[in-house]
N, C-alpha and C. Protein backbone atom coordinates (compact mmCIF):
# COMPACT_ATOMS: atom_id res chain seq x y z
N UNK A 1 -44.34 -55.17 27.24
CA UNK A 1 -42.89 -54.87 27.83
C UNK A 1 -42.69 -55.71 28.86
N UNK A 2 -43.18 -56.59 29.29
CA UNK A 2 -43.03 -57.09 30.73
C UNK A 2 -41.99 -57.85 31.04
N UNK A 3 -41.81 -58.55 30.06
CA UNK A 3 -40.64 -59.75 29.99
C UNK A 3 -39.48 -59.37 29.03
N UNK A 4 -39.13 -58.02 28.89
CA UNK A 4 -38.09 -57.28 28.11
C UNK A 4 -37.13 -56.79 29.38
N UNK A 5 -35.44 -57.03 28.65
CA UNK A 5 -34.67 -56.15 29.55
C UNK A 5 -34.68 -55.41 29.41
N UNK A 6 -33.24 -54.38 29.87
CA UNK A 6 -32.98 -53.02 29.53
C UNK A 6 -32.46 -53.02 27.97
N UNK A 7 -31.58 -54.08 27.98
CA UNK A 7 -30.70 -54.38 26.82
C UNK A 7 -31.79 -54.11 25.72
N UNK A 8 -32.91 -55.41 25.65
CA UNK A 8 -33.69 -55.25 24.52
C UNK A 8 -34.53 -53.93 24.43
N UNK A 9 -34.86 -53.27 25.37
CA UNK A 9 -35.89 -52.30 25.12
C UNK A 9 -35.00 -51.19 24.15
N UNK A 10 -33.75 -50.76 24.72
CA UNK A 10 -32.69 -50.17 24.38
C UNK A 10 -32.36 -50.28 22.83
N UNK A 11 -32.24 -51.66 22.36
CA UNK A 11 -32.46 -51.61 21.12
C UNK A 11 -33.40 -52.46 20.26
N UNK A 12 -35.02 -52.34 20.78
CA UNK A 12 -35.66 -52.76 20.25
C UNK A 12 -35.91 -52.14 18.79
N UNK A 13 -35.81 -50.82 18.29
CA UNK A 13 -36.12 -50.62 17.09
C UNK A 13 -35.13 -50.98 16.02
N UNK A 14 -33.85 -51.56 16.69
CA UNK A 14 -32.66 -52.17 15.78
C UNK A 14 -33.29 -53.64 15.47
N UNK A 15 -33.78 -54.21 16.73
CA UNK A 15 -34.30 -55.63 16.15
C UNK A 15 -35.37 -55.66 15.48
N UNK A 16 -36.40 -54.71 15.69
CA UNK A 16 -37.47 -54.82 14.83
C UNK A 16 -37.12 -54.51 13.52
N UNK A 17 -36.02 -53.76 13.10
CA UNK A 17 -35.51 -53.15 11.51
C UNK A 17 -35.05 -54.56 11.10
N UNK A 18 -34.31 -55.25 11.67
CA UNK A 18 -33.41 -56.53 11.32
C UNK A 18 -34.77 -57.39 10.90
N UNK A 19 -35.60 -57.33 11.84
CA UNK A 19 -36.48 -58.34 11.21
C UNK A 19 -37.40 -58.02 10.25
N UNK A 20 -37.36 -57.11 9.86
CA UNK A 20 -38.20 -56.20 8.63
C UNK A 20 -37.63 -56.49 7.53
N UNK A 21 -36.37 -56.98 7.34
CA UNK A 21 -35.60 -57.18 6.05
C UNK A 21 -34.74 -56.20 5.64
N UNK A 22 -35.19 -54.85 6.09
CA UNK A 22 -34.62 -53.52 5.61
C UNK A 22 -33.01 -53.62 5.41
N UNK A 23 -32.03 -54.25 5.00
CA UNK A 23 -30.74 -53.83 5.20
C UNK A 23 -30.15 -52.80 4.52
N UNK A 24 -30.26 -52.27 3.78
CA UNK A 24 -29.66 -51.27 2.93
C UNK A 24 -29.30 -50.11 3.76
N UNK A 25 -30.23 -49.65 4.49
CA UNK A 25 -29.88 -48.73 5.31
C UNK A 25 -28.86 -48.95 6.73
N UNK A 26 -28.69 -50.23 6.76
CA UNK A 26 -27.50 -50.65 7.71
C UNK A 26 -26.13 -50.51 7.29
N UNK A 27 -25.96 -49.92 6.26
CA UNK A 27 -24.84 -49.72 5.59
C UNK A 27 -24.52 -48.16 5.10
N UNK A 28 -25.40 -47.12 5.46
CA UNK A 28 -25.39 -46.23 5.43
C UNK A 28 -24.47 -45.40 6.32
N UNK A 29 -23.82 -44.49 5.99
CA UNK A 29 -22.98 -43.73 6.62
C UNK A 29 -22.46 -42.36 6.00
N UNK A 30 -21.80 -41.46 6.97
CA UNK A 30 -21.80 -40.04 6.93
C UNK A 30 -20.18 -39.99 6.40
N UNK A 31 -19.93 -39.32 4.84
CA UNK A 31 -18.57 -39.38 4.28
C UNK A 31 -18.15 -38.43 5.20
N UNK A 32 -18.35 -37.80 5.90
CA UNK A 32 -17.63 -36.50 6.63
C UNK A 32 -17.31 -37.11 8.02
N UNK A 33 -17.87 -38.69 8.65
CA UNK A 33 -17.82 -38.80 9.75
C UNK A 33 -16.14 -39.51 9.93
N UNK A 34 -16.06 -40.03 8.68
CA UNK A 34 -14.71 -41.24 8.80
C UNK A 34 -13.75 -40.67 8.10
N UNK A 35 -12.36 -40.97 8.21
CA UNK A 35 -11.62 -40.87 7.09
C UNK A 35 -11.38 -42.06 6.29
N UNK A 36 -10.65 -41.71 5.24
CA UNK A 36 -10.57 -42.75 3.89
C UNK A 36 -10.43 -44.30 4.44
N UNK A 37 -9.43 -44.38 5.68
CA UNK A 37 -9.06 -45.80 6.06
C UNK A 37 -10.08 -46.45 6.95
N UNK A 38 -11.00 -45.38 7.53
CA UNK A 38 -11.96 -46.09 8.27
C UNK A 38 -13.62 -46.22 7.98
N UNK A 39 -13.53 -46.01 6.52
CA UNK A 39 -14.86 -46.00 6.08
C UNK A 39 -15.58 -47.17 6.05
N UNK A 40 -16.88 -47.45 6.18
CA UNK A 40 -17.35 -48.63 6.20
C UNK A 40 -17.98 -49.11 4.90
N UNK A 41 -17.45 -49.84 3.99
CA UNK A 41 -17.88 -50.11 2.16
C UNK A 41 -18.66 -51.68 2.49
N UNK A 42 -19.86 -51.40 2.17
CA UNK A 42 -20.60 -52.51 2.43
C UNK A 42 -20.34 -53.38 0.91
N UNK A 43 -20.26 -54.69 1.05
CA UNK A 43 -19.84 -55.47 0.25
C UNK A 43 -20.69 -56.57 -0.44
N UNK A 44 -20.50 -56.48 -1.72
CA UNK A 44 -21.92 -57.10 -2.31
C UNK A 44 -21.39 -58.59 -2.78
N UNK A 45 -21.64 -59.84 -1.95
CA UNK A 45 -21.37 -60.89 -2.11
C UNK A 45 -21.79 -61.32 -3.09
N UNK A 46 -21.48 -62.78 -3.99
CA UNK A 46 -22.31 -62.89 -5.05
C UNK A 46 -22.83 -64.37 -3.95
N UNK A 47 -23.76 -64.93 -4.41
CA UNK A 47 -24.56 -65.87 -3.64
C UNK A 47 -23.77 -67.52 -3.31
N UNK A 48 -24.03 -67.70 -2.31
CA UNK A 48 -23.31 -69.10 -2.18
C UNK A 48 -23.86 -70.51 -3.05
N UNK A 49 -23.18 -71.46 -3.36
CA UNK A 49 -23.87 -72.16 -4.25
C UNK A 49 -24.70 -73.28 -3.19
N UNK A 50 -25.66 -73.81 -3.53
CA UNK A 50 -26.33 -74.62 -3.04
C UNK A 50 -26.75 -76.09 -3.44
N UNK A 51 -26.69 -77.26 -3.22
CA UNK A 51 -26.68 -78.63 -3.83
C UNK A 51 -27.89 -78.70 -4.32
N UNK A 52 -27.83 -79.50 -5.44
CA UNK A 52 -29.32 -79.79 -5.75
C UNK A 52 -30.56 -79.83 -5.22
N UNK A 53 -31.81 -79.64 -5.65
CA UNK A 53 -32.89 -80.63 -4.80
C UNK A 53 -33.22 -81.59 -5.40
N UNK A 54 -33.73 -82.50 -4.18
CA UNK A 54 -34.03 -83.55 -4.54
C UNK A 54 -33.24 -84.78 -3.96
N UNK A 55 -33.78 -85.99 -4.40
CA UNK A 55 -32.98 -87.40 -3.53
C UNK A 55 -31.88 -87.88 -4.42
N UNK A 56 -30.89 -87.78 -3.89
CA UNK A 56 -29.31 -88.17 -4.90
C UNK A 56 -29.52 -89.15 -5.14
N UNK A 57 -30.35 -90.02 -4.47
CA UNK A 57 -30.35 -91.76 -4.61
C UNK A 57 -30.79 -91.90 -6.25
N UNK A 58 -30.48 -92.84 -7.25
CA UNK A 58 -30.95 -93.82 -8.18
C UNK A 58 -32.13 -94.49 -8.05
N UNK A 59 -33.51 -94.29 -8.48
CA UNK A 59 -34.16 -95.50 -7.95
C UNK A 59 -34.00 -96.65 -8.00
N UNK A 60 -33.86 -97.60 -7.46
CA UNK A 60 -33.86 -98.99 -7.56
C UNK A 60 -34.63 -99.96 -8.37
N UNK A 61 -34.40 -100.83 -8.82
CA UNK A 61 -34.89 -101.48 -9.79
C UNK A 61 -36.26 -102.21 -8.73
N UNK A 62 -37.51 -102.62 -9.25
CA UNK A 62 -38.22 -102.96 -8.49
C UNK A 62 -38.05 -104.16 -7.89
N UNK A 63 -37.32 -105.02 -8.35
CA UNK A 63 -37.32 -106.51 -8.19
C UNK A 63 -35.99 -107.10 -7.46
N UNK A 64 -35.37 -105.79 -6.89
CA UNK A 64 -34.07 -106.33 -5.90
C UNK A 64 -33.25 -105.20 -5.83
N UNK A 65 -31.94 -105.68 -5.53
CA UNK A 65 -31.08 -104.74 -5.06
C UNK A 65 -30.74 -103.63 -6.05
N UNK A 66 -29.61 -102.89 -5.36
CA UNK A 66 -29.38 -101.58 -6.21
C UNK A 66 -27.91 -102.43 -7.21
N UNK A 67 -27.53 -101.92 -8.64
CA UNK A 67 -26.57 -102.68 -8.96
C UNK A 67 -25.20 -101.54 -8.77
N UNK A 68 -24.11 -102.38 -9.02
CA UNK A 68 -23.04 -101.45 -8.46
C UNK A 68 -23.04 -99.93 -9.40
N UNK A 69 -23.32 -99.69 -10.57
CA UNK A 69 -23.69 -98.56 -11.18
C UNK A 69 -24.43 -97.65 -10.70
N UNK A 70 -25.71 -98.26 -10.16
CA UNK A 70 -26.45 -97.44 -9.58
C UNK A 70 -26.06 -96.90 -8.05
N UNK A 71 -25.14 -97.77 -7.47
CA UNK A 71 -24.37 -97.36 -6.57
C UNK A 71 -23.62 -96.19 -6.75
N UNK A 72 -22.35 -96.45 -7.49
CA UNK A 72 -21.48 -95.75 -8.13
C UNK A 72 -22.16 -94.15 -8.40
N UNK A 73 -23.48 -94.34 -9.03
CA UNK A 73 -24.16 -93.07 -9.63
C UNK A 73 -24.45 -92.24 -8.55
N UNK A 74 -24.99 -92.96 -7.40
CA UNK A 74 -25.56 -92.18 -6.11
C UNK A 74 -24.69 -91.83 -5.33
N UNK A 75 -23.32 -92.08 -5.36
CA UNK A 75 -22.28 -92.01 -4.43
C UNK A 75 -21.54 -90.56 -5.06
N UNK A 76 -21.46 -90.47 -6.25
CA UNK A 76 -21.00 -89.19 -6.97
C UNK A 76 -21.77 -88.20 -6.69
N UNK A 77 -23.02 -88.56 -6.95
CA UNK A 77 -24.09 -87.12 -6.59
C UNK A 77 -23.90 -86.63 -4.89
N UNK A 78 -23.48 -87.66 -4.52
CA UNK A 78 -23.32 -87.29 -2.67
C UNK A 78 -22.40 -86.65 -2.26
N UNK A 79 -21.35 -87.36 -3.51
CA UNK A 79 -19.89 -86.36 -3.40
C UNK A 79 -19.77 -84.99 -4.02
N UNK A 80 -20.55 -84.71 -4.94
CA UNK A 80 -20.74 -83.57 -5.41
C UNK A 80 -21.56 -82.43 -4.28
N UNK A 81 -22.68 -83.10 -3.91
CA UNK A 81 -23.23 -82.79 -3.21
C UNK A 81 -22.40 -82.01 -1.84
N UNK A 82 -21.91 -82.70 -1.31
CA UNK A 82 -20.80 -82.42 -0.17
C UNK A 82 -19.66 -81.56 -0.38
N UNK A 83 -19.38 -81.63 -1.61
CA UNK A 83 -18.11 -80.91 -2.14
C UNK A 83 -18.68 -79.11 -2.25
N UNK A 84 -19.93 -79.12 -2.53
CA UNK A 84 -20.36 -78.02 -2.85
C UNK A 84 -20.74 -77.13 -1.44
N UNK A 85 -21.36 -78.08 -0.33
CA UNK A 85 -21.38 -77.70 0.83
C UNK A 85 -20.27 -77.54 1.54
N UNK A 86 -18.93 -77.89 1.36
CA UNK A 86 -18.00 -77.72 1.34
C UNK A 86 -17.47 -76.64 1.45
N UNK A 87 -17.38 -75.96 0.22
CA UNK A 87 -17.20 -74.81 -0.63
C UNK A 87 -17.90 -73.43 0.08
N UNK A 88 -18.97 -73.88 -0.08
CA UNK A 88 -20.49 -72.65 0.40
C UNK A 88 -20.02 -72.62 1.71
N UNK A 89 -19.40 -73.75 2.96
CA UNK A 89 -19.01 -73.44 4.15
C UNK A 89 -17.39 -72.82 4.35
N UNK A 90 -16.75 -73.10 3.31
CA UNK A 90 -15.60 -72.10 3.36
C UNK A 90 -15.52 -70.60 3.06
N UNK A 91 -16.41 -70.55 1.90
CA UNK A 91 -16.97 -68.94 1.59
C UNK A 91 -17.37 -68.24 2.54
N UNK A 92 -18.35 -68.88 3.24
CA UNK A 92 -19.14 -68.22 4.26
C UNK A 92 -18.00 -68.04 5.63
N UNK A 93 -17.34 -68.53 5.77
CA UNK A 93 -16.21 -68.67 7.00
C UNK A 93 -15.12 -67.71 6.32
N UNK A 94 -14.80 -67.32 5.06
CA UNK A 94 -14.15 -66.28 4.81
C UNK A 94 -14.82 -65.12 4.86
N UNK A 95 -15.89 -64.88 4.50
CA UNK A 95 -16.70 -63.65 4.63
C UNK A 95 -16.80 -63.11 5.90
N UNK A 96 -16.99 -64.12 6.96
CA UNK A 96 -17.64 -63.70 8.16
C UNK A 96 -16.18 -63.65 8.78
N UNK A 97 -14.98 -63.87 8.45
CA UNK A 97 -13.69 -63.64 8.66
C UNK A 97 -12.97 -61.92 8.45
N UNK A 98 -13.66 -61.71 7.06
CA UNK A 98 -13.60 -60.62 6.40
C UNK A 98 -14.60 -59.68 6.89
N UNK A 99 -15.77 -59.52 7.76
CA UNK A 99 -16.28 -59.05 8.07
C UNK A 99 -15.96 -58.52 9.63
N UNK A 100 -15.15 -59.70 10.23
CA UNK A 100 -14.98 -59.77 11.82
C UNK A 100 -13.41 -58.32 11.94
N UNK A 101 -12.57 -58.90 10.60
CA UNK A 101 -11.75 -58.22 10.82
C UNK A 101 -11.63 -56.50 10.33
N UNK A 102 -12.85 -56.41 9.65
CA UNK A 102 -13.40 -54.84 9.26
C UNK A 102 -13.61 -54.43 10.76
N UNK A 103 -14.64 -55.39 11.11
CA UNK A 103 -15.11 -54.40 12.69
C UNK A 103 -13.85 -54.11 13.51
N UNK A 104 -12.91 -55.08 13.73
CA UNK A 104 -12.04 -54.78 14.59
C UNK A 104 -10.87 -53.53 14.22
N UNK A 105 -10.92 -53.38 12.73
CA UNK A 105 -10.44 -52.17 12.53
C UNK A 105 -11.20 -50.75 12.79
N UNK A 106 -12.67 -50.84 12.35
CA UNK A 106 -13.28 -49.58 12.79
C UNK A 106 -13.39 -49.76 14.22
N UNK A 107 -13.11 -50.70 15.13
CA UNK A 107 -13.13 -50.16 16.80
C UNK A 107 -12.08 -50.14 17.00
N UNK A 108 -10.81 -50.24 16.47
CA UNK A 108 -9.37 -49.39 16.55
C UNK A 108 -9.44 -48.22 16.39
N UNK A 109 -9.87 -47.70 15.10
CA UNK A 109 -10.18 -46.64 14.59
C UNK A 109 -11.07 -46.02 15.72
N UNK A 110 -11.82 -46.28 16.15
CA UNK A 110 -13.16 -45.53 17.15
C UNK A 110 -12.62 -45.34 18.47
N UNK A 111 -11.59 -46.13 19.14
CA UNK A 111 -10.89 -46.19 20.17
C UNK A 111 -9.81 -45.10 20.03
N UNK A 112 -9.19 -44.53 18.96
CA UNK A 112 -8.17 -43.87 18.53
C UNK A 112 -8.78 -42.52 18.54
N UNK A 113 -10.24 -42.39 17.97
CA UNK A 113 -10.73 -41.25 18.20
C UNK A 113 -11.28 -40.66 19.40
N UNK A 114 -11.76 -41.61 19.99
CA UNK A 114 -12.02 -41.21 21.58
C UNK A 114 -10.99 -40.90 22.45
N UNK A 115 -9.55 -41.62 21.96
CA UNK A 115 -8.60 -40.88 22.95
C UNK A 115 -8.39 -39.62 22.39
N UNK A 116 -8.33 -39.31 20.99
CA UNK A 116 -7.85 -38.02 20.88
C UNK A 116 -8.86 -37.01 21.12
N UNK A 117 -10.13 -37.15 21.01
CA UNK A 117 -10.95 -36.00 21.31
C UNK A 117 -10.66 -35.57 23.19
N UNK A 118 -10.74 -36.99 23.78
CA UNK A 118 -10.52 -37.08 25.59
C UNK A 118 -9.48 -35.85 25.48
N UNK A 119 -8.19 -36.18 24.53
CA UNK A 119 -7.00 -35.35 25.16
C UNK A 119 -7.35 -34.01 24.81
N UNK A 120 -8.11 -33.59 23.74
CA UNK A 120 -8.32 -32.50 23.13
C UNK A 120 -9.70 -31.75 23.92
N UNK A 121 -9.86 -32.47 24.67
CA UNK A 121 -11.05 -31.88 25.51
C UNK A 121 -10.47 -31.65 26.93
N UNK A 122 -9.55 -32.44 27.55
CA UNK A 122 -8.81 -32.23 28.58
C UNK A 122 -7.83 -30.97 28.31
N UNK A 123 -7.55 -30.61 27.01
CA UNK A 123 -6.45 -29.56 27.12
C UNK A 123 -7.39 -28.13 26.90
N UNK A 124 -8.65 -28.05 26.27
CA UNK A 124 -9.47 -27.12 26.03
C UNK A 124 -9.81 -26.52 27.69
N UNK A 125 -10.35 -27.71 28.69
CA UNK A 125 -10.32 -27.26 29.86
C UNK A 125 -9.89 -26.95 30.81
N UNK A 126 -8.57 -27.33 30.46
CA UNK A 126 -7.15 -26.80 31.27
C UNK A 126 -7.07 -25.52 30.69
N UNK A 127 -6.96 -25.01 29.30
CA UNK A 127 -6.81 -23.93 29.08
C UNK A 127 -8.09 -22.81 29.86
N UNK A 128 -9.45 -23.55 29.50
CA UNK A 128 -10.04 -22.28 29.58
C UNK A 128 -10.30 -22.25 31.52
N UNK A 129 -9.95 -23.28 32.14
CA UNK A 129 -9.86 -22.91 33.56
C UNK A 129 -8.46 -21.98 33.64
N UNK A 130 -7.52 -21.96 33.43
CA UNK A 130 -6.47 -21.04 33.34
C UNK A 130 -7.25 -19.72 32.90
N UNK A 131 -7.81 -19.63 31.88
CA UNK A 131 -8.05 -18.20 31.42
C UNK A 131 -9.16 -17.92 32.46
N UNK A 132 -9.73 -18.90 33.17
CA UNK A 132 -10.81 -18.09 34.39
C UNK A 132 -10.00 -17.59 35.34
N UNK A 133 -9.28 -18.32 35.83
CA UNK A 133 -8.03 -18.01 36.85
C UNK A 133 -7.72 -16.62 36.56
N UNK A 134 -6.96 -16.41 35.73
CA UNK A 134 -6.60 -15.16 35.10
C UNK A 134 -7.67 -14.17 35.11
N UNK A 135 -8.75 -14.16 34.54
CA UNK A 135 -9.27 -13.48 34.46
C UNK A 135 -9.80 -12.52 35.92
N UNK A 136 -9.88 -13.65 36.78
CA UNK A 136 -10.10 -13.31 38.24
C UNK A 136 -8.94 -12.80 38.89
N UNK A 137 -8.28 -13.35 38.88
CA UNK A 137 -6.71 -12.40 39.28
C UNK A 137 -6.23 -11.16 39.13
N UNK A 138 -5.68 -10.98 37.80
CA UNK A 138 -5.63 -9.80 37.28
C UNK A 138 -6.32 -8.60 37.49
N UNK A 139 -7.55 -8.61 37.70
CA UNK A 139 -8.18 -7.33 37.95
C UNK A 139 -7.99 -6.99 39.62
N UNK A 140 -7.82 -7.94 40.68
CA UNK A 140 -7.96 -7.89 41.98
C UNK A 140 -6.28 -7.65 42.18
N UNK A 141 -4.97 -7.75 41.03
CA UNK A 141 -3.75 -7.36 41.27
C UNK A 141 -3.44 -5.86 40.86
N UNK A 142 -4.08 -5.56 39.62
CA UNK A 142 -3.93 -3.99 39.24
C UNK A 142 -4.84 -3.41 39.39
N UNK A 143 -5.50 -3.51 40.73
CA UNK A 143 -6.78 -2.59 40.92
C UNK A 143 -6.21 -1.31 41.69
N UNK A 144 -5.42 -1.50 42.75
CA UNK A 144 -4.95 -0.22 43.23
C UNK A 144 -3.33 -0.03 42.80
N UNK A 145 -2.92 -0.45 41.81
CA UNK A 145 -1.61 -0.55 41.83
C UNK A 145 -1.41 0.98 40.65
N UNK A 146 -0.08 1.89 41.23
CA UNK A 146 0.14 2.88 40.88
C UNK A 146 0.32 2.73 39.29
N UNK A 147 -0.31 3.75 38.39
CA UNK A 147 -0.08 3.61 36.70
C UNK A 147 1.28 3.66 36.51
N UNK A 148 2.11 4.27 36.95
CA UNK A 148 3.60 4.44 36.59
C UNK A 148 4.57 3.10 36.83
N UNK A 149 3.96 2.00 37.73
CA UNK A 149 4.89 1.18 38.18
C UNK A 149 4.81 -0.26 36.91
N UNK A 150 6.01 -0.39 36.74
CA UNK A 150 6.33 -1.05 35.66
C UNK A 150 6.12 -2.78 36.11
N UNK A 151 6.34 -2.97 37.49
CA UNK A 151 6.06 -4.41 37.45
C UNK A 151 4.44 -4.64 37.57
N UNK A 152 3.66 -3.91 37.82
CA UNK A 152 1.89 -4.13 37.76
C UNK A 152 1.99 -4.13 36.27
N UNK A 153 2.61 -3.31 35.66
CA UNK A 153 2.17 -3.65 34.14
C UNK A 153 2.60 -4.87 33.45
N UNK A 154 3.65 -5.57 34.19
CA UNK A 154 4.42 -7.01 33.51
C UNK A 154 3.47 -8.01 34.30
N UNK A 155 2.83 -7.86 35.61
CA UNK A 155 2.27 -9.20 36.16
C UNK A 155 1.32 -9.75 35.46
N UNK A 156 0.45 -9.03 34.48
CA UNK A 156 -0.61 -9.70 33.83
C UNK A 156 0.17 -10.87 32.89
N UNK A 157 1.13 -10.46 32.27
CA UNK A 157 2.00 -11.39 31.33
C UNK A 157 2.91 -12.34 32.02
N UNK A 158 3.27 -12.10 33.35
CA UNK A 158 4.18 -13.24 33.73
C UNK A 158 2.92 -13.87 34.16
N UNK A 159 2.01 -13.82 34.91
CA UNK A 159 0.96 -14.70 35.22
C UNK A 159 0.27 -15.65 34.37
N UNK A 160 0.29 -14.79 33.20
CA UNK A 160 -0.45 -15.57 32.07
C UNK A 160 1.06 -16.92 31.50
N UNK A 161 2.27 -16.48 31.60
CA UNK A 161 3.17 -17.15 30.79
C UNK A 161 3.33 -18.13 31.79
N UNK A 162 3.11 -18.44 33.29
CA UNK A 162 3.51 -19.11 34.08
C UNK A 162 4.47 -18.91 34.92
N UNK A 163 5.19 -17.61 34.82
CA UNK A 163 6.32 -17.64 35.82
C UNK A 163 5.89 -18.00 37.02
N UNK A 164 5.28 -17.47 37.43
CA UNK A 164 5.08 -17.56 38.98
C UNK A 164 4.86 -19.09 39.29
N UNK A 165 5.33 -19.99 38.48
CA UNK A 165 4.74 -21.40 39.03
C UNK A 165 3.54 -21.75 38.42
N UNK A 166 2.74 -21.02 37.62
CA UNK A 166 1.38 -21.20 37.02
C UNK A 166 1.54 -22.82 35.68
N UNK A 167 0.94 -23.34 35.48
CA UNK A 167 0.88 -24.19 34.56
C UNK A 167 1.02 -23.63 33.32
N UNK A 168 0.59 -22.71 32.78
CA UNK A 168 0.18 -21.79 31.85
C UNK A 168 1.52 -21.81 30.64
N UNK A 169 1.09 -22.11 29.53
CA UNK A 169 2.21 -22.13 28.64
C UNK A 169 1.32 -21.27 27.26
N UNK A 170 2.29 -20.56 26.94
CA UNK A 170 1.56 -19.67 25.67
C UNK A 170 2.84 -19.29 24.77
N UNK A 171 2.31 -18.86 23.90
CA UNK A 171 3.39 -18.11 22.70
C UNK A 171 4.47 -16.92 23.38
N UNK A 172 4.07 -16.80 24.77
CA UNK A 172 4.91 -15.87 25.12
C UNK A 172 6.59 -16.34 26.05
N UNK A 173 6.12 -17.31 26.02
CA UNK A 173 7.51 -18.26 26.50
C UNK A 173 7.23 -19.29 27.42
N UNK A 174 6.08 -19.75 28.20
CA UNK A 174 5.97 -20.71 29.01
C UNK A 174 6.89 -21.08 29.70
N UNK A 175 7.48 -22.07 29.23
CA UNK A 175 8.65 -23.00 30.43
C UNK A 175 9.77 -22.62 29.80
N UNK A 176 10.10 -21.33 28.98
CA UNK A 176 11.41 -20.99 28.69
C UNK A 176 11.94 -20.04 29.54
N UNK A 177 12.68 -20.18 30.74
CA UNK A 177 13.00 -18.59 31.37
C UNK A 177 14.09 -18.07 30.77
N UNK A 178 14.43 -18.00 29.85
CA UNK A 178 15.54 -17.19 29.15
C UNK A 178 14.64 -16.05 28.00
N UNK A 179 13.53 -16.90 28.02
CA UNK A 179 12.31 -15.92 26.93
C UNK A 179 11.85 -14.82 27.92
N UNK A 180 11.27 -15.19 29.64
CA UNK A 180 10.65 -14.72 30.21
C UNK A 180 11.62 -13.64 30.96
N UNK A 181 12.96 -13.75 31.10
CA UNK A 181 13.94 -12.79 31.73
C UNK A 181 14.09 -11.75 30.58
N UNK A 182 13.94 -11.87 29.24
CA UNK A 182 14.14 -10.91 28.11
C UNK A 182 13.10 -10.10 28.07
N UNK A 183 11.64 -10.40 28.11
CA UNK A 183 10.82 -9.79 28.49
C UNK A 183 10.54 -8.82 29.85
N UNK A 184 11.10 -9.36 30.61
CA UNK A 184 10.87 -8.66 31.64
C UNK A 184 12.06 -7.03 31.57
N UNK A 185 13.06 -7.52 31.09
CA UNK A 185 14.24 -6.41 30.62
C UNK A 185 13.48 -5.59 29.72
N UNK A 186 13.44 -6.05 28.54
CA UNK A 186 12.55 -5.01 27.96
C UNK A 186 11.30 -4.13 28.56
N UNK A 187 10.47 -4.89 28.96
CA UNK A 187 9.21 -4.09 29.74
C UNK A 187 9.97 -2.95 30.75
N UNK A 188 11.03 -3.48 32.16
CA UNK A 188 11.39 -2.84 32.69
C UNK A 188 12.30 -1.42 32.36
N UNK A 189 12.94 -1.80 30.92
CA UNK A 189 13.84 -0.66 30.33
C UNK A 189 12.61 0.56 29.55
N UNK A 190 11.76 -0.12 29.25
CA UNK A 190 11.03 1.21 28.71
C UNK A 190 10.33 2.42 29.48
């Protein structure tokens, strides 16, 4: 491993795997990981046509130059080989473009999935931070309060709902000030 780069050492098992020729495992995937639109579907392409083996020239007669018929036969054989190679190159180009398109679609789907998960993670962290803050603040505020004090009873709800400028939003009102006033009126009237 003296002459290998970090990239080669990271992917050495993949490179060795490709050299071995076992390509079926390259197309294995977990059905639960991707949605239907982003699934990898291995394609089985039919084999490309190859020109016939051997020399395309007709063996010339021993005593002289080739005749026009022999030249025409050789030209037809060469044209057929060129046409076969052209068709194979076009088929290979189409397959390459198809694989490139599928790879781009998978990359786009992966980027979207990463964005969604980052957003969800950020939201979860934010909610967890708010819950931690409330868990620390509420006992400090209500520790020495009078049990009959209605404002002390409402304080945890107001803190949780974000009524004092906090960023918390919950089913209790969040940014809706009308809901908050109604809750305070109900609590204070009880």
